[in-house]
Protein backbone atom coordinates (compact mmCIF):
# COMPACT_ATOMS: atom_id res chain seq x y z
CA MET A 1 102.96 186.60 165.36
CA ILE A 2 100.65 184.81 167.69
CA GLN A 3 102.36 182.20 169.74
CA VAL A 4 100.28 179.17 170.58
CA ASN A 5 101.17 177.34 173.71
CA GLU A 6 100.72 173.59 173.25
CA SER A 7 100.33 171.21 176.09
CA PRO A 8 102.83 168.33 176.38
CA GLU A 9 100.06 165.93 175.41
CA THR A 10 99.33 167.86 172.19
CA ARG A 11 103.00 168.03 171.21
CA PHE A 12 103.30 164.29 171.75
CA ILE A 13 100.30 163.61 169.51
CA HIS A 14 101.70 165.87 166.73
CA ARG A 15 105.12 164.19 166.85
CA PHE A 16 103.45 160.75 166.69
CA ILE A 17 101.39 161.75 163.65
CA TYR A 18 104.42 163.23 161.81
CA SER A 19 106.51 160.15 162.60
CA SER A 20 103.77 157.79 161.37
CA LEU A 21 103.36 159.75 158.14
CA PHE A 22 107.12 159.62 157.51
CA ARG A 23 107.28 155.87 158.12
CA ASN A 24 104.33 155.23 155.78
CA LEU A 25 105.87 157.35 153.04
CA PHE A 26 109.19 155.54 153.44
CA LEU A 27 107.51 152.10 153.31
CA SER A 28 105.44 153.08 150.25
CA GLY A 29 108.54 154.24 148.41
CA SER A 30 110.41 151.06 149.31
CA ILE A 31 107.55 148.86 148.10
CA LEU A 32 107.31 150.74 144.79
CA ALA A 33 111.04 150.40 144.29
CA LEU A 34 110.92 146.65 144.97
CA LEU A 35 107.98 146.24 142.58
CA GLY A 36 109.88 148.13 139.91
CA CYS A 37 112.92 145.86 140.28
CA ALA A 38 110.77 142.74 140.20
CA THR A 39 108.95 143.93 137.09
CA THR A 40 112.25 144.67 135.39
CA ARG A 41 113.62 141.22 136.25
CA PHE A 42 110.39 139.52 135.10
CA THR A 43 110.36 141.46 131.84
CA LYS A 44 114.00 140.57 131.23
CA ARG A 45 113.34 136.88 131.89
CA ALA A 46 110.32 136.93 129.56
CA THR A 47 112.34 138.67 126.85
CA ASP A 48 115.21 136.22 127.26
CA ALA A 49 112.79 133.29 127.10
CA ALA A 50 111.21 134.62 123.93
CA ALA A 51 114.60 135.22 122.35
CA SER A 52 116.04 131.84 123.32
CA PRO A 53 114.18 128.68 122.17
CA SER A 54 113.82 125.75 124.54
CA PRO A 55 116.35 122.91 124.32
CA ALA A 56 113.76 120.69 122.60
CA ALA A 57 112.99 123.39 120.02
CA SER A 58 116.71 123.91 119.44
CA ILE A 59 117.13 120.20 118.70
CA VAL A 60 114.27 120.30 116.18
CA ILE A 61 115.73 123.38 114.46
CA ALA A 62 119.18 121.79 114.29
CA GLN A 63 117.67 118.58 112.87
CA GLN A 64 115.78 120.49 110.20
CA GLN A 65 118.90 122.38 109.21
CA SER A 66 120.95 119.19 108.95
CA ASP A 67 118.23 117.52 106.87
CA ALA A 68 118.02 120.33 104.33
CA ILE A 69 119.42 119.66 100.86
CA SER A 70 120.95 122.16 98.44
CA ARG A 71 120.96 120.07 95.26
CA PRO A 72 118.57 120.89 92.41
CA THR A 73 115.14 119.25 92.25
CA SER A 74 112.60 118.99 89.45
CA LYS A 75 109.44 121.04 89.37
CA PRO A 76 106.48 118.79 90.24
CA TYR A 77 104.54 117.64 87.21
CA THR A 78 101.20 119.39 86.74
CA GLY A 79 100.24 118.28 83.24
CA GLU A 80 97.78 115.81 81.81
CA LEU A 81 97.39 112.57 83.71
CA SER A 82 96.79 110.52 80.60
CA ILE A 83 100.55 110.07 80.12
CA PHE A 84 100.55 107.66 83.09
CA GLU A 85 97.82 105.46 81.64
CA ASP A 86 99.56 103.77 78.71
CA PRO A 87 97.92 100.32 78.30
CA LYS A 88 101.36 98.74 77.90
CA ARG A 89 102.68 100.17 81.15
CA ASP A 90 101.67 97.10 83.16
CA GLU A 91 103.86 94.98 80.93
CA ARG A 92 106.80 97.39 81.12
CA LEU A 93 106.69 98.15 84.87
CA GLN A 94 105.31 94.87 86.26
CA PRO A 95 103.29 96.28 89.20
CA ASN A 96 102.42 92.83 90.55
CA ARG A 97 106.11 92.00 90.85
CA ILE A 98 106.70 95.34 92.60
CA MET A 99 103.95 94.57 95.10
CA ASP A 100 105.31 91.07 95.70
CA ILE A 101 108.75 92.52 96.53
CA LEU A 102 107.24 95.12 98.89
CA GLY A 103 105.17 92.46 100.64
CA ILE A 104 101.85 93.99 99.63
CA LYS A 105 99.12 91.43 100.15
CA GLU A 106 95.49 91.13 101.13
CA GLY A 107 94.85 93.25 104.21
CA SER A 108 97.96 95.42 103.85
CA SER A 109 98.02 99.19 104.35
CA VAL A 110 99.96 100.93 101.57
CA ALA A 111 101.04 104.51 100.90
CA ASP A 112 101.47 105.68 97.30
CA ILE A 113 103.41 108.93 97.74
CA GLY A 114 103.21 111.11 94.65
CA ALA A 115 100.18 109.18 93.47
CA GLY A 116 99.53 111.29 90.35
CA SER A 117 96.72 109.66 88.38
CA GLY A 118 96.43 106.79 90.83
CA TRP A 119 97.87 104.26 88.37
CA PHE A 120 99.61 102.31 91.14
CA THR A 121 97.01 103.25 93.76
CA VAL A 122 94.16 101.36 92.11
CA ARG A 123 96.32 98.30 91.44
CA ALA A 124 97.42 98.20 95.07
CA ALA A 125 93.81 98.68 96.19
CA ARG A 126 92.72 95.62 94.23
CA ARG A 127 95.59 93.59 95.75
CA VAL A 128 94.88 94.51 99.42
CA GLY A 129 91.11 94.08 99.11
CA ASN A 130 88.42 95.36 101.43
CA GLY A 131 90.47 94.43 104.48
CA GLY A 132 93.32 96.72 103.44
CA THR A 133 93.83 100.40 102.77
CA VAL A 134 95.72 102.42 100.19
CA TYR A 135 96.63 106.02 100.95
CA ALA A 136 97.04 108.11 97.81
CA VAL A 137 99.31 110.99 98.83
CA ASP A 138 99.95 113.99 96.62
CA ILE A 139 100.52 117.73 96.92
CA ASN A 140 98.24 118.42 93.94
CA ARG A 141 94.60 118.75 94.99
CA ASP A 142 93.34 118.32 91.42
CA TYR A 143 95.10 114.96 91.12
CA LEU A 144 93.55 113.78 94.36
CA ASP A 145 90.10 114.81 93.13
CA TYR A 146 90.76 112.74 90.02
CA ILE A 147 91.77 109.72 92.12
CA GLU A 148 88.66 110.01 94.28
CA LYS A 149 86.45 109.98 91.20
CA ARG A 150 88.43 107.08 89.76
CA ALA A 151 88.14 105.08 92.98
CA LYS A 152 84.39 105.65 93.07
CA GLY A 153 84.04 104.69 89.41
CA GLU A 154 86.04 101.48 89.96
CA ASP A 155 84.21 100.70 93.24
CA LEU A 156 87.39 100.87 95.33
CA SER A 157 86.25 102.15 98.71
CA ASN A 158 89.55 101.24 100.35
CA ILE A 159 91.36 104.20 98.74
CA HIS A 160 91.87 107.29 100.90
CA VAL A 161 93.43 110.46 99.51
CA ILE A 162 95.75 112.69 101.54
CA LEU A 163 96.81 116.19 100.56
CA GLY A 164 100.39 116.03 101.80
CA LYS A 165 103.12 118.62 102.13
CA GLU A 166 106.46 118.86 100.36
CA ASP A 167 108.21 117.59 103.48
CA ASP A 168 105.46 115.55 105.14
CA PRO A 169 103.07 112.93 103.71
CA LEU A 170 100.80 113.47 106.73
CA LEU A 171 100.41 109.76 107.35
CA ALA A 172 99.43 108.57 110.81
CA GLU A 173 102.16 107.02 112.94
CA LYS A 174 102.68 103.27 112.38
CA SER A 175 99.85 103.13 109.85
CA VAL A 176 101.40 101.47 106.75
CA ASP A 177 103.05 98.18 105.79
CA ALA A 178 104.57 99.41 102.52
CA VAL A 179 105.39 102.70 100.81
CA LEU A 180 106.14 103.45 97.17
CA LEU A 181 107.51 106.58 95.50
CA LEU A 182 107.10 105.93 91.79
CA LYS A 183 108.87 108.50 89.57
CA THR A 184 108.43 111.00 92.39
CA TYR A 185 111.63 111.23 94.41
CA HIS A 186 113.37 113.66 92.03
CA GLU A 187 110.49 116.14 92.53
CA VAL A 188 110.56 116.13 96.34
CA ALA A 189 111.88 119.49 97.55
CA GLN A 190 113.06 118.21 100.95
CA PRO A 191 113.34 114.41 100.61
CA ILE A 192 115.15 113.69 103.88
CA ARG A 193 112.49 115.48 105.90
CA LEU A 194 109.77 113.68 103.94
CA LEU A 195 111.42 110.32 104.51
CA ARG A 196 111.83 110.91 108.24
CA LYS A 197 108.08 111.52 108.48
CA THR A 198 107.48 108.45 106.33
CA HIS A 199 109.71 106.44 108.66
CA LEU A 200 107.39 107.29 111.57
CA ALA A 201 104.37 106.11 109.59
CA MET A 202 105.86 102.69 108.83
CA ARG A 203 105.12 99.63 110.93
CA ALA A 204 107.73 97.11 112.00
CA SER A 205 109.11 95.21 108.98
CA ALA A 206 107.49 97.66 106.54
CA LEU A 207 109.36 98.31 103.29
CA LEU A 208 109.96 101.48 101.29
CA GLY A 209 110.29 101.34 97.51
CA ILE A 210 111.72 104.09 95.30
CA ILE A 211 111.52 103.83 91.51
CA ASP A 212 113.19 106.52 89.44
CA ARG A 213 115.66 107.26 86.68
CA ASN A 214 119.21 108.55 86.83
CA GLY A 215 119.66 112.27 86.42
CA LYS A 216 120.91 115.50 87.93
CA GLY A 217 117.83 116.30 90.01
CA ASP A 218 116.38 119.07 87.88
CA ASP A 219 115.92 116.91 84.76
CA HIS A 220 113.22 114.62 86.19
CA GLY A 221 115.76 112.10 87.39
CA LEU A 222 118.32 111.62 90.16
CA ASP A 223 121.35 109.36 90.34
CA LYS A 224 120.76 106.20 92.31
CA GLU A 225 123.76 106.80 94.59
CA VAL A 226 122.35 110.15 95.70
CA VAL A 227 118.97 108.60 96.50
CA ILE A 228 120.62 105.85 98.55
CA LYS A 229 122.74 108.31 100.57
CA GLU A 230 119.82 110.61 101.32
CA THR A 231 117.51 107.74 102.26
CA GLU A 232 120.15 106.36 104.61
CA ARG A 233 120.45 109.79 106.24
CA ALA A 234 116.71 109.58 106.93
CA GLY A 235 117.15 106.36 108.90
CA PHE A 236 116.77 103.62 106.29
CA VAL A 237 118.92 100.72 105.10
CA LEU A 238 119.07 99.51 101.51
CA VAL A 239 118.02 95.84 101.37
CA ASN A 240 117.77 95.25 97.63
CA GLN A 241 117.73 96.85 94.20
CA TYR A 242 116.31 95.82 90.84
CA ASP A 243 116.41 96.95 87.23
CA PHE A 244 113.46 95.06 85.72
CA VAL A 245 111.59 98.40 85.63
CA LYS A 246 113.89 99.81 82.93
CA PRO A 247 111.43 99.26 80.05
CA ASP A 248 109.25 102.03 81.60
CA SER A 249 112.00 104.66 81.09
CA VAL A 250 113.36 104.34 84.62
CA ASP A 251 116.67 102.92 85.81
CA TYR A 252 116.24 101.47 89.27
CA PHE A 253 113.89 100.07 91.88
CA LEU A 254 115.40 100.49 95.36
CA VAL A 255 113.99 98.75 98.44
CA PHE A 256 114.70 99.97 101.97
CA ARG A 257 113.71 99.07 105.50
CA ALA A 258 113.97 101.13 108.66
CA ALA A 259 117.37 100.92 110.32
CA ASP A 260 117.52 99.09 113.66
């Protein structure tokens, strides 16, 4: 073996290099370890955030669950619209009296939810005139197409159709002075949710009318007491009820306003 004699200066330089390399390796390892811990904590926080909804989202979910109903409902009508157009229906149902009670006048904005053939829609459109608006809301696109053609044929440009949802009429906030559900409530799958959305669309002092027949829910009718309880749960107060609509094979006309 050949022995190399190093000068003190050389040995000092070698020791300095080895020491520097060791410190750098130690620092690199420490940094990687810290980055690994931080990544783990960040990933855990992200996972926890994804798994746990925000407080606001939790409130919405809880509200939706409390508003859900479990009673039977009727399948929405999809048949011929001619059944709504009996010439004697005006005499039996008295639409002008209905509009008087709901405060529908010239210039009013009205929502006809479950508009069907537009029987009430066109009558309300004539009442409110060019300065008013009637929103024909339905979940059946074909019915809305029919109403649009009818409005054009009867020169009623103040009718606007809206393809709503089962739990949302998709009306703009504070956009209407009166709302009517005519022989529709028993078909609404989630009425409390629908009514809460309707509530938001109603202006101050606006009225909500519900006309229907007594029944079990799945027989194209629903008992009046059930309708009142559900509507109150949605934030309304019953202000009056009438039975003059009975000749049109219905049992009640309920009128509500938004609770204070």
